[in-house]
Amino acid sequence: MDKRKTGIALFITLMVIASIMSIIAVSFTYLEKVQKDAGRTSALIQANLLYGNTVEILKRFFPAESDNNDKLALIYTMPLILNEAKSGFSLNLTCQALMIGPPINWLDEKVTSTMPEKTTITKGVFESIIEIYDIKEPNELEELLLQEITGKYTQNRDYEPRLKQQKGIVSKEQFNKVLLHYALMYDDQKVLTIPWEKYFSFIHTTKDTKIDGNYLSPEFMSVAFDIPIEIVQDSWIVGESTLSTFLTENGISKTINNKIYANKALNAMHCKQTFVYQERQYRFKFNYIKGRSNNFEFNGQN
């Protein structure tokens, strides 16, 4: 990295740290009010406060329609760790690219009716995973996933189905419930060992949803473009390589559909934040997509 890029990265780092410090300043003020209320409830209040402030900072640094690739590369590779010795308060923020592969909702042809190629890509990856991991009942697994995506259930469930107002599979936790149901129904525990999050994303989708062409996972690229995983891992530089250039360099002649693969890094990330409150550590996570946040989950005490 040349001196200019180093200087820019350092400036961005300092700005991000300064902004996160403002989160702590606000949090300390509120801490004084809730310090006497021990336990999970006050920790949840603190988590919501941190969540709101963190999202505001992300909006400031990652404007919805801007090309923020340099800043995204920084936050994906360098967790923000801050401590305040006097109160013992500390936090750790880590973020990862969210759209590293197709949304699992694209399995449903109705979701991708305006662009069937999205379902073709997603089913192709799904079928490759089924073969690689030797899933016992692939048709039944796909049917269970489609039931969850569409909300049209035809088999008895041993868990409460998704909320009525929710459309599709919008979180990894929701996806995991389907996997567990399948594993118990068909006695196939292998399905629980697959790193699904390296092949798919789990979000609410619209007709404009795209895969992040700059931050594709090596696992997805390997099965989607039929390239040995070792080659992808050796030559694909996440956040720096472009998909079209990478494919050309590896002798693959394929036109990239920019309506499916975004040609600039997406402002879409999954973040986890841990914090120490009253000598206990807590964690919450959320998605940040184009200036909006969702899927806030408070995991309680670690």
Protein backbone atom coordinates (compact mmCIF):
# COMPACT_ATOMS: atom_id res chain seq x y z
CA MET A 1 0.00 0.00 0.00
CA ASP A 2 1.47 3.40 -0.97
CA LYS A 3 1.82 6.33 1.45
CA ARG A 4 -1.30 8.04 0.14
CA LYS A 5 -3.49 4.98 0.73
CA THR A 6 -1.89 4.46 4.12
CA GLY A 7 -2.68 8.04 5.06
CA ILE A 8 -6.29 7.70 3.92
CA ALA A 9 -6.70 4.46 5.89
CA LEU A 10 -5.24 6.06 9.00
CA PHE A 11 -7.53 9.08 8.65
CA ILE A 12 -10.58 6.86 8.26
CA THR A 13 -9.49 4.81 11.26
CA LEU A 14 -9.14 7.88 13.46
CA MET A 15 -12.50 9.23 12.33
CA VAL A 16 -14.25 5.95 13.05
CA ILE A 17 -12.63 5.68 16.47
CA ALA A 18 -13.59 9.27 17.29
CA SER A 19 -17.18 8.56 16.35
CA ILE A 20 -17.32 5.36 18.36
CA MET A 21 -15.99 7.30 21.32
CA SER A 22 -19.10 9.44 21.07
CA ILE A 23 -21.11 6.24 21.55
CA ILE A 24 -19.27 5.61 24.79
CA ALA A 25 -19.79 9.19 25.97
CA VAL A 26 -23.55 8.88 25.53
CA SER A 27 -23.54 5.45 27.08
CA PHE A 28 -21.68 6.56 30.19
CA THR A 29 -24.27 9.28 30.80
CA TYR A 30 -27.02 6.72 30.67
CA LEU A 31 -25.06 4.19 32.70
CA GLU A 32 -25.22 6.48 35.71
CA LYS A 33 -29.02 6.28 35.60
CA VAL A 34 -29.28 2.51 35.34
CA GLN A 35 -26.24 1.45 37.34
CA LYS A 36 -28.41 0.54 40.32
CA ASP A 37 -30.61 -1.78 38.27
CA ALA A 38 -28.62 -4.97 37.95
CA GLY A 39 -29.41 -7.85 35.62
CA ARG A 40 -30.54 -8.62 32.12
CA THR A 41 -33.18 -5.88 31.83
CA SER A 42 -30.77 -3.01 32.35
CA ALA A 43 -28.22 -4.74 30.09
CA LEU A 44 -30.86 -4.95 27.36
CA ILE A 45 -31.57 -1.23 27.77
CA GLN A 46 -27.86 -0.56 27.46
CA ALA A 47 -27.64 -2.77 24.37
CA ASN A 48 -30.48 -0.87 22.69
CA LEU A 49 -28.76 2.42 23.45
CA LEU A 50 -25.48 1.20 21.98
CA TYR A 51 -27.30 -0.27 19.00
CA GLY A 52 -29.01 3.02 18.17
CA ASN A 53 -25.81 5.01 18.44
CA THR A 54 -23.79 2.50 16.45
CA VAL A 55 -26.31 2.54 13.61
CA GLU A 56 -26.19 6.34 13.49
CA ILE A 57 -22.39 6.20 13.18
CA LEU A 58 -22.63 3.62 10.39
CA LYS A 59 -25.07 5.86 8.52
CA ARG A 60 -22.62 8.71 8.79
CA PHE A 61 -19.65 6.73 7.46
CA PHE A 62 -21.41 4.51 4.94
CA PRO A 63 -23.95 6.67 3.07
CA ALA A 64 -26.55 4.50 1.35
CA GLU A 65 -25.72 5.14 -2.31
CA SER A 66 -22.01 5.99 -2.03
CA ASP A 67 -19.00 3.91 -3.05
CA ASN A 68 -17.49 3.18 0.37
CA ASN A 69 -15.21 0.32 -0.61
CA ASP A 70 -12.09 1.67 1.14
CA LYS A 71 -13.96 2.23 4.39
CA LEU A 72 -15.76 -1.08 4.12
CA ALA A 73 -12.45 -2.91 3.65
CA LEU A 74 -11.19 -1.24 6.81
CA ILE A 75 -14.12 -2.08 9.07
CA TYR A 76 -14.22 -5.68 7.77
CA THR A 77 -10.57 -6.29 8.63
CA MET A 78 -10.10 -4.26 11.81
CA PRO A 79 -12.45 -4.76 14.77
CA LEU A 80 -13.02 -1.63 16.84
CA ILE A 81 -12.07 -2.27 20.45
CA LEU A 82 -12.53 0.50 23.00
CA ASN A 83 -12.11 0.52 26.77
CA GLU A 84 -12.77 3.02 29.55
CA ALA A 85 -10.67 2.18 32.60
CA LYS A 86 -12.52 4.26 35.19
CA SER A 87 -15.91 2.61 34.79
CA GLY A 88 -14.67 -0.70 33.42
CA PHE A 89 -16.90 -0.25 30.38
CA SER A 90 -15.66 -1.70 27.09
CA LEU A 91 -17.01 -2.61 23.68
CA ASN A 92 -15.92 -4.56 20.64
CA LEU A 93 -17.52 -3.99 17.23
CA THR A 94 -16.92 -6.39 14.34
CA CYS A 95 -18.63 -6.30 10.95
CA GLN A 96 -18.59 -8.62 7.94
CA ALA A 97 -19.92 -8.33 4.41
CA LEU A 98 -23.50 -9.56 4.34
CA MET A 99 -24.23 -10.38 0.68
CA ILE A 100 -21.43 -12.90 0.15
CA GLY A 101 -23.73 -15.23 -1.79
CA PRO A 102 -27.32 -15.40 -3.03
CA PRO A 103 -30.19 -14.94 -0.56
CA ILE A 104 -31.70 -18.31 0.29
CA ASN A 105 -35.10 -16.78 -0.58
CA TRP A 106 -34.08 -16.90 -4.25
CA LEU A 107 -34.85 -20.63 -4.14
CA ASP A 108 -38.46 -19.61 -4.66
CA GLU A 109 -39.15 -18.87 -8.32
CA LYS A 110 -41.90 -16.41 -7.39
CA VAL A 111 -39.38 -14.28 -5.49
CA THR A 112 -37.22 -14.00 -8.62
CA SER A 113 -40.01 -13.93 -11.21
CA THR A 114 -38.58 -10.79 -12.83
CA MET A 115 -35.14 -12.42 -13.15
CA PRO A 116 -35.26 -16.25 -13.16
CA GLU A 117 -31.47 -16.45 -13.40
CA LYS A 118 -31.33 -15.62 -9.68
CA THR A 119 -33.15 -18.86 -8.87
CA THR A 120 -30.98 -20.77 -11.34
CA ILE A 121 -27.83 -19.58 -9.54
CA THR A 122 -29.24 -20.32 -6.09
CA LYS A 123 -30.51 -23.79 -6.96
CA GLY A 124 -27.20 -24.61 -8.62
CA VAL A 125 -25.32 -23.75 -5.43
CA PHE A 126 -27.84 -25.64 -3.31
CA GLU A 127 -27.50 -28.76 -5.45
CA SER A 128 -23.70 -28.59 -5.29
CA ILE A 129 -23.82 -28.42 -1.50
CA ILE A 130 -26.20 -31.38 -1.40
CA GLU A 131 -23.72 -33.40 -3.45
CA ILE A 132 -20.60 -32.28 -1.58
CA TYR A 133 -22.05 -33.05 1.85
CA ASP A 134 -24.10 -36.09 0.79
CA ILE A 135 -27.42 -34.92 2.21
CA LYS A 136 -29.78 -37.87 2.67
CA GLU A 137 -33.10 -36.36 1.55
CA PRO A 138 -32.36 -33.30 -0.60
CA ASN A 139 -35.85 -32.95 -2.06
CA GLU A 140 -37.44 -32.92 1.39
CA LEU A 141 -34.92 -30.36 2.63
CA GLU A 142 -35.63 -28.07 -0.29
CA GLU A 143 -39.37 -28.49 0.24
CA LEU A 144 -39.08 -27.52 3.91
CA LEU A 145 -37.08 -24.43 2.96
CA LEU A 146 -39.63 -23.44 0.33
CA GLN A 147 -42.42 -23.88 2.87
CA GLU A 148 -40.65 -21.48 5.20
CA ILE A 149 -39.96 -19.00 2.40
CA THR A 150 -43.53 -19.00 1.09
CA GLY A 151 -45.36 -19.55 4.38
CA LYS A 152 -47.34 -22.41 2.86
CA TYR A 153 -46.83 -25.33 5.24
CA THR A 154 -47.83 -28.85 4.27
CA GLN A 155 -45.99 -30.82 6.95
CA ASN A 156 -46.36 -30.81 10.72
CA ARG A 157 -43.80 -28.72 12.54
CA ASP A 158 -42.28 -29.24 15.97
CA TYR A 159 -41.51 -25.54 16.28
CA GLU A 160 -43.51 -22.37 15.91
CA PRO A 161 -43.40 -21.13 12.29
CA ARG A 162 -42.31 -17.69 11.29
CA LEU A 163 -44.32 -14.59 12.18
CA LYS A 164 -47.18 -13.94 9.78
CA GLN A 165 -45.94 -10.49 8.83
CA GLN A 166 -42.50 -11.83 8.01
CA LYS A 167 -41.78 -12.69 4.39
CA GLY A 168 -39.21 -15.33 3.56
CA ILE A 169 -36.21 -16.48 5.58
CA VAL A 170 -34.71 -13.32 7.03
CA SER A 171 -32.15 -14.58 9.55
CA LYS A 172 -29.69 -17.40 10.05
CA GLU A 173 -31.53 -18.38 13.23
CA GLN A 174 -34.77 -18.85 11.30
CA PHE A 175 -32.89 -20.92 8.70
CA ASN A 176 -31.31 -23.04 11.46
CA LYS A 177 -34.77 -23.99 12.78
CA VAL A 178 -35.65 -25.44 9.39
CA LEU A 179 -32.38 -27.39 9.33
CA LEU A 180 -33.00 -28.77 12.80
CA HIS A 181 -36.51 -29.80 11.85
CA TYR A 182 -35.17 -31.62 8.79
CA ALA A 183 -32.35 -33.28 10.78
CA LEU A 184 -34.79 -34.67 13.35
CA MET A 185 -37.40 -35.71 10.80
CA TYR A 186 -34.99 -37.57 8.50
CA ASP A 187 -32.21 -38.49 10.94
CA ASP A 188 -29.61 -36.59 8.93
CA GLN A 189 -27.27 -34.68 11.22
CA LYS A 190 -24.88 -33.79 8.41
CA VAL A 191 -27.10 -30.90 7.43
CA LEU A 192 -26.22 -29.19 10.73
CA THR A 193 -22.48 -29.29 10.02
CA ILE A 194 -22.57 -27.44 6.68
CA PRO A 195 -21.25 -23.84 6.79
CA TRP A 196 -24.35 -22.51 5.03
CA GLU A 197 -23.43 -18.90 5.83
CA LYS A 198 -20.46 -19.24 3.45
CA TYR A 199 -22.76 -19.98 0.54
CA PHE A 200 -25.96 -17.99 1.16
CA SER A 201 -27.23 -14.84 2.82
CA PHE A 202 -30.32 -14.71 5.00
CA ILE A 203 -32.12 -11.42 4.53
CA HIS A 204 -35.38 -9.89 3.40
CA THR A 205 -35.21 -9.51 -0.38
CA THR A 206 -36.68 -7.16 -2.94
CA LYS A 207 -36.53 -7.18 -6.73
CA ASP A 208 -33.44 -4.94 -6.49
CA THR A 209 -31.46 -7.19 -4.13
CA LYS A 210 -27.99 -8.03 -5.44
CA ILE A 211 -25.03 -10.17 -4.46
CA ASP A 212 -21.93 -8.20 -3.43
CA GLY A 213 -19.55 -8.74 -6.36
CA ASN A 214 -16.58 -7.44 -4.34
CA TYR A 215 -17.05 -9.59 -1.24
CA LEU A 216 -18.10 -12.99 -2.53
CA SER A 217 -17.05 -15.88 -0.32
CA PRO A 218 -14.49 -18.30 -1.79
CA GLU A 219 -16.85 -21.20 -1.02
CA PHE A 220 -19.69 -19.67 -3.04
CA MET A 221 -17.38 -18.79 -5.93
CA SER A 222 -15.98 -22.30 -6.04
CA VAL A 223 -19.36 -24.00 -6.48
CA ALA A 224 -21.02 -21.23 -8.51
CA PHE A 225 -18.27 -21.04 -11.13
CA ASP A 226 -16.90 -24.57 -10.81
CA ILE A 227 -13.41 -23.52 -9.69
CA PRO A 228 -11.38 -25.60 -7.20
CA ILE A 229 -11.60 -23.95 -3.80
CA GLU A 230 -7.80 -23.94 -3.48
CA ILE A 231 -7.48 -21.74 -6.57
CA VAL A 232 -10.10 -19.30 -5.31
CA GLN A 233 -8.51 -19.06 -1.88
CA ASP A 234 -5.07 -18.43 -3.42
CA SER A 235 -6.04 -15.78 -5.97
CA TRP A 236 -9.32 -14.16 -4.95
CA ILE A 237 -8.58 -11.07 -2.85
CA VAL A 238 -11.81 -10.19 -1.07
CA GLY A 239 -12.64 -6.51 -1.46
CA GLU A 240 -9.94 -5.89 -4.04
CA SER A 241 -10.44 -8.34 -6.90
CA THR A 242 -13.30 -7.80 -9.33
CA LEU A 243 -15.39 -10.79 -10.29
CA SER A 244 -15.07 -10.29 -14.05
CA THR A 245 -11.28 -9.89 -13.85
CA PHE A 246 -10.91 -12.92 -11.60
CA LEU A 247 -12.91 -15.13 -13.96
CA THR A 248 -10.98 -13.91 -16.99
CA GLU A 249 -7.65 -14.59 -15.26
CA ASN A 250 -8.82 -18.13 -14.55
CA GLY A 251 -9.86 -18.81 -18.13
CA ILE A 252 -13.61 -18.60 -17.52
CA SER A 253 -15.52 -16.79 -20.24
CA LYS A 254 -18.73 -15.63 -18.62
CA THR A 255 -20.66 -12.38 -18.87
CA ILE A 256 -21.45 -11.01 -15.43
CA ASN A 257 -24.99 -9.76 -14.97
CA ASN A 258 -24.68 -6.51 -13.02
CA LYS A 259 -28.33 -6.76 -12.04
CA ILE A 260 -27.38 -9.82 -10.00
CA TYR A 261 -23.78 -9.09 -9.01
CA ALA A 262 -23.17 -5.52 -7.82
CA ASN A 263 -20.07 -4.12 -9.53
CA LYS A 264 -19.22 -1.94 -6.52
CA ALA A 265 -19.09 -2.92 -2.88
CA LEU A 266 -22.51 -2.92 -1.25
CA ASN A 267 -23.23 -1.00 1.92
CA ALA A 268 -24.53 -4.20 3.47
CA MET A 269 -22.97 -5.74 6.54
CA HIS A 270 -23.65 -7.99 9.50
CA CYS A 271 -22.29 -6.58 12.76
CA LYS A 272 -21.71 -8.02 16.20
CA GLN A 273 -21.05 -5.88 19.23
CA THR A 274 -19.98 -7.11 22.65
CA PHE A 275 -19.84 -4.91 25.71
CA VAL A 276 -19.02 -5.30 29.37
CA TYR A 277 -21.68 -4.07 31.74
CA GLN A 278 -21.51 -4.48 35.54
CA GLU A 279 -18.62 -6.94 35.17
CA ARG A 280 -20.60 -9.13 32.79
CA GLN A 281 -20.19 -9.46 29.04
CA TYR A 282 -23.17 -9.16 26.69
CA ARG A 283 -23.57 -9.32 22.93
CA PHE A 284 -25.99 -8.18 20.28
CA LYS A 285 -25.97 -8.34 16.50
CA PHE A 286 -27.77 -6.73 13.60
CA ASN A 287 -27.74 -6.14 9.86
CA TYR A 288 -26.97 -2.77 8.28
CA ILE A 289 -28.12 -2.39 4.66
CA LYS A 290 -28.09 0.87 2.72
CA GLY A 291 -28.66 3.15 5.67
CA ARG A 292 -31.16 0.87 7.41
CA SER A 293 -30.71 -1.63 10.19
CA ASN A 294 -32.73 -4.71 11.05
CA ASN A 295 -32.57 -8.18 12.65
CA PHE A 296 -31.43 -6.81 16.01
CA GLU A 297 -30.82 -9.75 18.33
CA PHE A 298 -29.74 -9.48 21.94
CA ASN A 299 -27.89 -12.64 22.96
CA GLY A 300 -27.73 -11.89 26.65
CA GLN A 301 -24.81 -12.70 28.87
CA ASN A 302 -21.90 -14.56 27.24
